[in-house]
N, C-alpha and C. Protein backbone atom coordinates (compact mmCIF):
# COMPACT_ATOMS: atom_id res chain seq x y z
N UNK A 1 39.08 -45.89 34.65
CA UNK A 1 38.77 -47.03 33.84
C UNK A 1 40.00 -47.41 33.01
N UNK A 2 40.27 -48.68 32.94
CA UNK A 2 41.40 -49.14 32.14
C UNK A 2 41.02 -49.15 30.66
N UNK A 3 42.05 -49.02 29.84
CA UNK A 3 41.83 -49.00 28.40
C UNK A 3 41.12 -50.26 27.94
N UNK A 4 41.51 -51.41 28.46
CA UNK A 4 40.90 -52.68 28.05
C UNK A 4 39.41 -52.71 28.41
N UNK A 5 39.05 -52.11 29.55
CA UNK A 5 37.64 -52.04 29.94
C UNK A 5 36.86 -51.09 29.03
N UNK A 6 37.49 -49.98 28.69
CA UNK A 6 36.84 -48.97 27.85
C UNK A 6 36.44 -49.56 26.50
N UNK A 7 37.33 -50.38 25.94
CA UNK A 7 37.09 -50.94 24.61
C UNK A 7 36.54 -52.37 24.66
N UNK A 8 36.09 -52.84 25.82
CA UNK A 8 35.65 -54.23 25.98
C UNK A 8 34.56 -54.62 24.98
N UNK A 9 33.63 -53.74 24.71
CA UNK A 9 32.52 -54.07 23.81
C UNK A 9 32.70 -53.47 22.41
N UNK A 10 33.92 -53.08 22.09
CA UNK A 10 34.17 -52.44 20.80
C UNK A 10 33.95 -53.42 19.66
N UNK A 11 33.42 -52.90 18.57
CA UNK A 11 33.23 -53.71 17.37
C UNK A 11 34.25 -53.28 16.33
N UNK A 12 34.84 -54.24 15.66
CA UNK A 12 35.74 -53.92 14.57
C UNK A 12 35.44 -54.80 13.35
N UNK A 13 34.24 -55.37 13.34
CA UNK A 13 33.86 -56.26 12.26
C UNK A 13 33.02 -55.59 11.17
N UNK A 14 32.72 -54.30 11.34
CA UNK A 14 31.90 -53.60 10.36
C UNK A 14 32.64 -52.41 9.77
N UNK A 15 32.41 -52.16 8.49
CA UNK A 15 32.94 -50.95 7.88
C UNK A 15 32.15 -49.76 8.39
N UNK A 16 32.79 -48.61 8.49
CA UNK A 16 32.09 -47.41 8.92
C UNK A 16 31.20 -46.87 7.81
N UNK A 17 30.35 -45.92 8.14
CA UNK A 17 29.43 -45.36 7.15
C UNK A 17 30.13 -44.62 6.01
N UNK A 18 31.39 -44.23 6.21
CA UNK A 18 32.12 -43.53 5.14
C UNK A 18 33.06 -44.46 4.38
N UNK A 19 32.91 -45.77 4.57
CA UNK A 19 33.74 -46.73 3.85
C UNK A 19 33.61 -46.48 2.34
N UNK A 20 34.73 -46.42 1.65
CA UNK A 20 34.72 -46.16 0.22
C UNK A 20 34.91 -44.69 -0.14
N UNK A 21 34.86 -43.81 0.86
CA UNK A 21 35.06 -42.37 0.62
C UNK A 21 36.53 -42.04 0.87
N UNK A 22 37.14 -41.29 -0.03
CA UNK A 22 38.52 -40.85 0.16
C UNK A 22 38.51 -39.35 0.44
N UNK A 23 39.23 -38.96 1.48
CA UNK A 23 39.31 -37.56 1.89
C UNK A 23 40.76 -37.12 1.80
N UNK A 24 41.03 -36.00 1.15
CA UNK A 24 42.36 -35.41 1.13
C UNK A 24 42.35 -34.32 2.20
N UNK A 25 43.08 -34.55 3.28
CA UNK A 25 43.10 -33.63 4.42
C UNK A 25 44.37 -32.81 4.34
N UNK A 26 44.26 -31.52 4.04
CA UNK A 26 45.41 -30.65 3.85
C UNK A 26 45.35 -29.46 4.79
N UNK A 27 44.90 -29.70 6.01
CA UNK A 27 44.76 -28.63 6.98
C UNK A 27 45.92 -28.66 7.97
N UNK A 28 45.94 -27.69 8.87
CA UNK A 28 47.01 -27.64 9.87
C UNK A 28 46.44 -27.42 11.26
N UNK A 29 47.30 -27.49 12.21
CA UNK A 29 47.07 -27.27 13.64
C UNK A 29 46.07 -28.26 14.21
N UNK A 30 44.90 -27.85 14.67
CA UNK A 30 44.10 -28.78 15.47
C UNK A 30 42.81 -29.21 14.79
N UNK A 31 41.94 -28.30 14.44
CA UNK A 31 40.59 -28.65 14.00
C UNK A 31 40.58 -29.52 12.74
N UNK A 32 41.36 -29.15 11.74
CA UNK A 32 41.37 -29.91 10.50
C UNK A 32 41.87 -31.33 10.67
N UNK A 33 43.06 -31.52 11.27
CA UNK A 33 43.53 -32.88 11.49
C UNK A 33 42.58 -33.70 12.36
N UNK A 34 41.95 -33.05 13.35
CA UNK A 34 40.98 -33.77 14.19
C UNK A 34 39.80 -34.22 13.35
N UNK A 35 39.33 -33.35 12.45
CA UNK A 35 38.23 -33.73 11.57
C UNK A 35 38.64 -34.91 10.69
N UNK A 36 39.89 -34.91 10.22
CA UNK A 36 40.39 -36.03 9.44
C UNK A 36 40.37 -37.33 10.23
N UNK A 37 40.75 -37.26 11.50
CA UNK A 37 40.71 -38.44 12.38
C UNK A 37 39.28 -38.95 12.54
N UNK A 38 38.35 -38.04 12.75
CA UNK A 38 36.95 -38.45 12.93
C UNK A 38 36.42 -39.10 11.65
N UNK A 39 36.73 -38.50 10.50
CA UNK A 39 36.29 -39.08 9.23
C UNK A 39 36.88 -40.47 9.04
N UNK A 40 38.15 -40.64 9.42
CA UNK A 40 38.78 -41.96 9.33
C UNK A 40 38.11 -42.94 10.28
N UNK A 41 37.75 -42.48 11.47
CA UNK A 41 37.06 -43.34 12.43
C UNK A 41 35.71 -43.82 11.88
N UNK A 42 35.11 -43.00 11.03
CA UNK A 42 33.85 -43.38 10.41
C UNK A 42 34.06 -44.18 9.13
N UNK A 43 35.30 -44.57 8.85
CA UNK A 43 35.58 -45.47 7.75
C UNK A 43 36.17 -44.85 6.51
N UNK A 44 36.29 -43.53 6.45
CA UNK A 44 36.86 -42.90 5.26
C UNK A 44 38.35 -43.21 5.16
N UNK A 45 38.85 -43.23 3.95
CA UNK A 45 40.28 -43.34 3.73
C UNK A 45 40.80 -41.91 3.67
N UNK A 46 41.61 -41.51 4.65
CA UNK A 46 42.06 -40.13 4.75
C UNK A 46 43.53 -40.05 4.32
N UNK A 47 43.80 -39.20 3.34
CA UNK A 47 45.16 -38.95 2.89
C UNK A 47 45.58 -37.60 3.46
N UNK A 48 46.55 -37.62 4.35
CA UNK A 48 47.02 -36.39 5.01
C UNK A 48 48.11 -35.77 4.14
N UNK A 49 47.94 -34.50 3.78
CA UNK A 49 48.93 -33.76 3.01
C UNK A 49 49.52 -32.71 3.94
N UNK A 50 50.83 -32.78 4.14
CA UNK A 50 51.51 -31.83 5.02
C UNK A 50 52.58 -31.06 4.27
N UNK A 51 52.92 -29.92 4.81
CA UNK A 51 54.07 -29.15 4.35
C UNK A 51 55.30 -30.04 4.50
N UNK A 52 56.30 -29.94 3.61
CA UNK A 52 57.50 -30.78 3.75
C UNK A 52 58.17 -30.68 5.11
N UNK A 53 58.05 -29.55 5.79
CA UNK A 53 58.67 -29.40 7.12
C UNK A 53 57.81 -30.00 8.22
N UNK A 54 56.64 -30.51 7.89
CA UNK A 54 55.78 -31.13 8.89
C UNK A 54 54.67 -30.20 9.35
N UNK A 55 53.83 -30.72 10.20
CA UNK A 55 52.69 -29.97 10.75
C UNK A 55 53.19 -28.69 11.40
N UNK A 56 52.56 -27.56 11.09
CA UNK A 56 53.03 -26.25 11.53
C UNK A 56 53.12 -26.14 13.05
N UNK A 57 52.22 -26.74 13.77
CA UNK A 57 52.21 -26.61 15.23
C UNK A 57 53.47 -27.22 15.86
N UNK A 58 54.07 -28.21 15.18
CA UNK A 58 55.29 -28.82 15.72
C UNK A 58 56.52 -27.93 15.49
N UNK A 59 56.38 -26.90 14.63
CA UNK A 59 57.51 -26.05 14.29
C UNK A 59 57.48 -24.70 14.99
N UNK A 60 56.43 -24.42 15.76
CA UNK A 60 56.33 -23.12 16.40
C UNK A 60 57.19 -23.05 17.65
N UNK A 61 58.02 -22.03 17.76
CA UNK A 61 58.81 -21.86 19.00
C UNK A 61 57.94 -21.23 20.07
N UNK A 62 58.39 -21.28 21.31
CA UNK A 62 57.65 -20.56 22.35
C UNK A 62 57.59 -19.08 21.96
N UNK A 63 56.46 -18.44 22.20
CA UNK A 63 56.29 -17.05 21.78
C UNK A 63 57.17 -16.12 22.60
N UNK A 64 57.26 -16.35 23.89
CA UNK A 64 58.09 -15.52 24.76
C UNK A 64 59.18 -16.43 25.32
N UNK A 65 60.46 -16.13 25.03
CA UNK A 65 61.53 -17.04 25.44
C UNK A 65 61.52 -17.40 26.92
N UNK A 66 61.34 -16.43 27.80
CA UNK A 66 61.32 -16.75 29.23
C UNK A 66 59.93 -16.43 29.77
N UNK A 67 59.01 -17.35 29.53
CA UNK A 67 57.62 -17.08 29.91
C UNK A 67 57.42 -17.06 31.43
N UNK A 68 58.27 -17.75 32.20
CA UNK A 68 58.15 -17.69 33.66
C UNK A 68 58.41 -16.26 34.14
N UNK A 69 59.42 -15.61 33.58
CA UNK A 69 59.72 -14.22 33.94
C UNK A 69 58.55 -13.31 33.57
N UNK A 70 57.98 -13.55 32.39
CA UNK A 70 56.85 -12.74 31.95
C UNK A 70 55.67 -12.89 32.90
N UNK A 71 55.38 -14.09 33.33
CA UNK A 71 54.28 -14.32 34.27
C UNK A 71 54.54 -13.57 35.57
N UNK A 72 55.79 -13.63 36.04
CA UNK A 72 56.14 -12.91 37.28
C UNK A 72 55.94 -11.39 37.12
N UNK A 73 56.35 -10.86 36.00
CA UNK A 73 56.18 -9.42 35.75
C UNK A 73 54.70 -9.06 35.74
N UNK A 74 53.89 -9.85 35.05
CA UNK A 74 52.45 -9.60 35.01
C UNK A 74 51.87 -9.67 36.42
N UNK A 75 52.30 -10.65 37.22
CA UNK A 75 51.79 -10.80 38.59
C UNK A 75 52.11 -9.56 39.42
N UNK A 76 53.33 -9.04 39.26
CA UNK A 76 53.71 -7.83 39.99
C UNK A 76 52.83 -6.63 39.60
N UNK A 77 52.34 -6.64 38.38
CA UNK A 77 51.48 -5.55 37.91
C UNK A 77 50.00 -5.80 38.26
N UNK A 78 49.74 -6.94 38.90
CA UNK A 78 48.37 -7.27 39.25
C UNK A 78 47.55 -7.80 38.09
N UNK A 79 48.22 -8.27 37.04
CA UNK A 79 47.53 -8.79 35.86
C UNK A 79 47.56 -10.33 35.88
N UNK A 80 46.43 -10.95 35.66
CA UNK A 80 46.42 -12.41 35.64
C UNK A 80 47.18 -12.92 34.41
N UNK A 81 47.98 -13.92 34.62
CA UNK A 81 48.73 -14.52 33.51
C UNK A 81 49.12 -15.94 33.90
N UNK A 82 49.20 -16.81 32.93
CA UNK A 82 49.68 -18.17 33.16
C UNK A 82 50.68 -18.50 32.07
N UNK A 83 51.54 -19.40 32.38
CA UNK A 83 52.53 -19.87 31.42
C UNK A 83 51.87 -20.92 30.53
N UNK A 84 52.10 -20.84 29.24
CA UNK A 84 51.58 -21.81 28.29
C UNK A 84 52.70 -22.80 27.97
N UNK A 85 52.40 -24.07 28.09
CA UNK A 85 53.41 -25.10 27.83
C UNK A 85 53.79 -25.14 26.35
N UNK A 86 55.03 -25.53 26.09
CA UNK A 86 55.47 -25.76 24.72
C UNK A 86 54.95 -27.12 24.27
N UNK A 87 55.02 -27.38 22.99
CA UNK A 87 54.60 -28.68 22.45
C UNK A 87 55.38 -29.80 23.14
N UNK A 88 56.69 -29.63 23.29
CA UNK A 88 57.52 -30.66 23.93
C UNK A 88 57.07 -30.92 25.37
N UNK A 89 56.65 -29.88 26.07
CA UNK A 89 56.17 -30.04 27.44
C UNK A 89 54.79 -30.71 27.48
N UNK A 90 53.95 -30.31 26.55
CA UNK A 90 52.58 -30.85 26.53
C UNK A 90 52.60 -32.36 26.31
N UNK A 91 53.44 -32.84 25.40
CA UNK A 91 53.42 -34.27 25.12
C UNK A 91 53.95 -35.11 26.27
N UNK A 92 54.54 -34.47 27.28
CA UNK A 92 55.00 -35.18 28.48
C UNK A 92 53.93 -35.25 29.57
N UNK A 93 52.80 -34.56 29.37
CA UNK A 93 51.75 -34.51 30.38
C UNK A 93 51.15 -35.89 30.65
N UNK A 94 50.95 -36.20 31.92
CA UNK A 94 50.37 -37.48 32.32
C UNK A 94 48.97 -37.68 31.73
N UNK A 95 48.19 -36.59 31.67
CA UNK A 95 46.83 -36.69 31.14
C UNK A 95 46.84 -37.19 29.69
N UNK A 96 47.75 -36.68 28.89
CA UNK A 96 47.84 -37.13 27.50
C UNK A 96 48.22 -38.60 27.42
N UNK A 97 49.12 -39.00 28.28
CA UNK A 97 49.54 -40.40 28.31
C UNK A 97 48.37 -41.31 28.70
N UNK A 98 47.63 -40.92 29.73
CA UNK A 98 46.53 -41.76 30.20
C UNK A 98 45.41 -41.85 29.17
N UNK A 99 45.30 -40.86 28.28
CA UNK A 99 44.28 -40.87 27.23
C UNK A 99 44.81 -41.41 25.90
N UNK A 100 46.05 -41.93 25.93
CA UNK A 100 46.68 -42.46 24.70
C UNK A 100 46.65 -41.46 23.56
N UNK A 101 46.97 -40.20 23.89
CA UNK A 101 46.96 -39.15 22.87
C UNK A 101 48.21 -39.19 21.99
N UNK A 102 49.34 -39.53 22.56
CA UNK A 102 50.57 -39.57 21.78
C UNK A 102 50.84 -41.04 21.44
N UNK A 103 50.59 -41.39 20.20
CA UNK A 103 50.71 -42.78 19.78
C UNK A 103 52.03 -43.00 19.05
N UNK A 104 52.85 -43.94 19.55
CA UNK A 104 54.10 -44.22 18.84
C UNK A 104 53.78 -44.77 17.45
N UNK A 105 54.33 -44.14 16.43
CA UNK A 105 54.02 -44.50 15.05
C UNK A 105 55.30 -44.65 14.26
N UNK A 106 55.41 -45.75 13.55
CA UNK A 106 56.60 -46.00 12.74
C UNK A 106 56.46 -45.24 11.42
N UNK A 107 57.49 -44.46 11.09
CA UNK A 107 57.49 -43.66 9.86
C UNK A 107 58.06 -44.46 8.70
N UNK A 108 57.95 -43.91 7.51
CA UNK A 108 58.44 -44.58 6.31
C UNK A 108 59.94 -44.85 6.38
N UNK A 109 60.69 -43.98 7.09
CA UNK A 109 62.14 -44.18 7.19
C UNK A 109 62.52 -45.16 8.29
N UNK A 110 61.52 -45.74 8.97
CA UNK A 110 61.79 -46.74 10.00
C UNK A 110 61.82 -46.20 11.42
N UNK A 111 61.93 -44.86 11.56
CA UNK A 111 61.94 -44.26 12.90
C UNK A 111 60.55 -44.34 13.51
N UNK A 112 60.51 -44.48 14.83
CA UNK A 112 59.24 -44.43 15.55
C UNK A 112 59.18 -43.13 16.32
N UNK A 113 58.10 -42.37 16.10
CA UNK A 113 57.93 -41.07 16.75
C UNK A 113 56.53 -40.97 17.33
N UNK A 114 56.35 -40.13 18.36
CA UNK A 114 55.00 -39.94 18.90
C UNK A 114 54.19 -39.02 17.99
N UNK A 115 53.02 -39.48 17.59
CA UNK A 115 52.12 -38.71 16.75
C UNK A 115 50.84 -38.46 17.55
N UNK A 116 50.27 -37.26 17.44
CA UNK A 116 49.03 -36.95 18.14
C UNK A 116 47.92 -37.81 17.57
N UNK A 117 47.30 -38.59 18.44
CA UNK A 117 46.19 -39.45 18.03
C UNK A 117 44.86 -38.74 18.18
N UNK A 118 43.79 -39.42 17.84
CA UNK A 118 42.46 -38.82 17.94
C UNK A 118 42.10 -38.48 19.39
N UNK A 119 41.53 -37.30 19.59
CA UNK A 119 41.12 -36.89 20.93
C UNK A 119 39.83 -37.57 21.33
N UNK A 120 38.93 -37.77 20.37
CA UNK A 120 37.67 -38.43 20.68
C UNK A 120 37.93 -39.92 20.87
N UNK A 121 37.41 -40.45 21.96
CA UNK A 121 37.54 -41.87 22.26
C UNK A 121 36.14 -42.47 22.28
N UNK A 122 35.91 -43.44 21.44
CA UNK A 122 34.60 -44.07 21.34
C UNK A 122 34.65 -45.45 21.99
N UNK A 123 33.70 -45.76 22.85
CA UNK A 123 33.73 -47.00 23.61
C UNK A 123 33.59 -48.23 22.72
N UNK A 124 32.87 -48.11 21.62
CA UNK A 124 32.67 -49.28 20.76
C UNK A 124 33.48 -49.25 19.49
N UNK A 125 34.20 -48.18 19.26
CA UNK A 125 35.01 -48.06 18.06
C UNK A 125 36.36 -47.45 18.44
N UNK A 126 37.34 -48.28 18.77
CA UNK A 126 38.65 -47.73 19.16
C UNK A 126 39.25 -46.90 18.03
N UNK A 127 39.85 -45.78 18.40
CA UNK A 127 40.49 -44.92 17.42
C UNK A 127 42.00 -45.17 17.45
N UNK A 128 42.58 -45.22 16.29
CA UNK A 128 44.02 -45.48 16.18
C UNK A 128 44.59 -44.71 15.00
N UNK A 129 45.89 -44.69 14.92
CA UNK A 129 46.58 -44.25 13.71
C UNK A 129 46.86 -45.53 12.94
N UNK A 130 46.19 -45.70 11.84
CA UNK A 130 46.27 -46.99 11.13
C UNK A 130 47.56 -47.17 10.34
N UNK A 131 48.12 -46.09 9.88
CA UNK A 131 49.39 -46.19 9.16
C UNK A 131 50.08 -44.85 9.27
N UNK A 132 51.40 -44.84 9.12
CA UNK A 132 52.14 -43.58 9.25
C UNK A 132 51.91 -42.67 8.05
N UNK A 133 52.30 -41.43 8.23
CA UNK A 133 52.25 -40.49 7.12
C UNK A 133 53.18 -40.99 6.02
N UNK A 134 52.83 -40.77 4.77
CA UNK A 134 53.71 -41.21 3.68
C UNK A 134 54.99 -40.37 3.64
N UNK A 135 55.99 -40.93 3.00
CA UNK A 135 57.23 -40.19 2.78
C UNK A 135 56.91 -39.00 1.87
N UNK A 136 57.74 -37.99 1.91
CA UNK A 136 57.55 -36.80 1.09
C UNK A 136 57.38 -37.19 -0.38
N UNK A 137 56.25 -36.83 -0.95
CA UNK A 137 55.97 -37.10 -2.36
C UNK A 137 55.46 -38.48 -2.67
N UNK A 138 55.36 -39.34 -1.68
CA UNK A 138 54.97 -40.74 -1.91
C UNK A 138 53.59 -40.86 -2.59
N UNK A 139 52.66 -40.01 -2.22
CA UNK A 139 51.30 -40.10 -2.76
C UNK A 139 50.99 -39.01 -3.78
N UNK A 140 52.01 -38.35 -4.32
CA UNK A 140 51.76 -37.26 -5.27
C UNK A 140 50.87 -37.69 -6.43
N UNK A 141 51.20 -38.81 -7.07
CA UNK A 141 50.44 -39.24 -8.24
C UNK A 141 49.00 -39.52 -7.87
N UNK A 142 48.79 -40.18 -6.75
CA UNK A 142 47.43 -40.52 -6.32
C UNK A 142 46.61 -39.27 -5.97
N UNK A 143 47.21 -38.37 -5.21
CA UNK A 143 46.48 -37.16 -4.79
C UNK A 143 46.22 -36.26 -5.98
N UNK A 144 47.24 -36.00 -6.77
CA UNK A 144 47.06 -35.12 -7.93
C UNK A 144 46.11 -35.75 -8.96
N UNK A 145 46.19 -37.06 -9.10
CA UNK A 145 45.26 -37.76 -10.00
C UNK A 145 43.82 -37.58 -9.55
N UNK A 146 43.59 -37.66 -8.23
CA UNK A 146 42.24 -37.45 -7.70
C UNK A 146 41.76 -36.03 -7.94
N UNK A 147 42.70 -35.10 -8.10
CA UNK A 147 42.36 -33.70 -8.35
C UNK A 147 42.27 -33.39 -9.84
N UNK A 148 42.44 -34.43 -10.70
CA UNK A 148 42.28 -34.24 -12.13
C UNK A 148 43.57 -34.03 -12.91
N UNK A 149 44.72 -34.15 -12.28
CA UNK A 149 45.99 -33.98 -12.99
C UNK A 149 46.32 -35.30 -13.70
N UNK A 150 46.47 -35.26 -15.04
CA UNK A 150 46.75 -36.49 -15.78
C UNK A 150 48.23 -36.83 -15.73
N UNK A 151 48.59 -37.99 -16.24
CA UNK A 151 49.96 -38.50 -16.17
C UNK A 151 50.95 -37.58 -16.88
N UNK A 152 50.57 -37.04 -18.04
CA UNK A 152 51.47 -36.15 -18.79
C UNK A 152 51.77 -34.89 -17.97
N UNK A 153 50.74 -34.31 -17.37
CA UNK A 153 50.93 -33.10 -16.55
C UNK A 153 51.78 -33.42 -15.32
N UNK A 154 51.56 -34.60 -14.73
CA UNK A 154 52.35 -35.01 -13.57
C UNK A 154 53.82 -35.14 -13.95
N UNK A 155 54.10 -35.71 -15.11
CA UNK A 155 55.48 -35.85 -15.57
C UNK A 155 56.11 -34.48 -15.80
N UNK A 156 55.34 -33.53 -16.36
CA UNK A 156 55.83 -32.17 -16.57
C UNK A 156 56.15 -31.52 -15.23
N UNK A 157 55.25 -31.67 -14.27
CA UNK A 157 55.48 -31.08 -12.93
C UNK A 157 56.73 -31.68 -12.27
N UNK A 158 56.92 -32.98 -12.47
CA UNK A 158 58.14 -33.62 -11.93
C UNK A 158 59.39 -33.09 -12.60
N UNK A 159 59.34 -32.96 -13.92
CA UNK A 159 60.48 -32.47 -14.67
C UNK A 159 60.87 -31.04 -14.27
N UNK A 160 59.88 -30.23 -13.92
CA UNK A 160 60.13 -28.85 -13.50
C UNK A 160 60.46 -28.74 -12.02
N UNK A 161 60.46 -29.88 -11.31
CA UNK A 161 60.79 -29.86 -9.88
C UNK A 161 59.68 -29.34 -9.00
N UNK A 162 58.45 -29.26 -9.52
CA UNK A 162 57.34 -28.79 -8.73
C UNK A 162 56.91 -29.86 -7.73
N UNK A 163 56.91 -31.09 -8.17
CA UNK A 163 56.56 -32.23 -7.28
C UNK A 163 57.67 -33.26 -7.32
């Protein structure tokens, strides 16, 4: 099925049931960010908080440097083993491309990079990345304010280099 056919009857004229709800999503790897995407699809405003170095899964090196050799050794021992793709290899997979999983997203610095999009695809509610992640510290005042940090405390934290 073509993407245009999949979304042919999609509605975008209604707010989702979570419209007006703000979610601070500060999780890593898969389940948490996916939950943030689903909440956003239902209309919530999701603020993603990441480590300054980015999502942890993008920073993990392959566990075994030469995994092909390891698989061969296991096979010789009669042990079942498969090679696990790296993140860079996974994002090149045709299946991900056909499901629009890697969405080109413009960042605050103007660069366009592939960002993992929502895995769930709804026929009547297309899922997208509505805006890029904020620049480092861009939403500090808003997020900390939502957590009860007042302006004076925020200024103190800035002065001490905490934020």
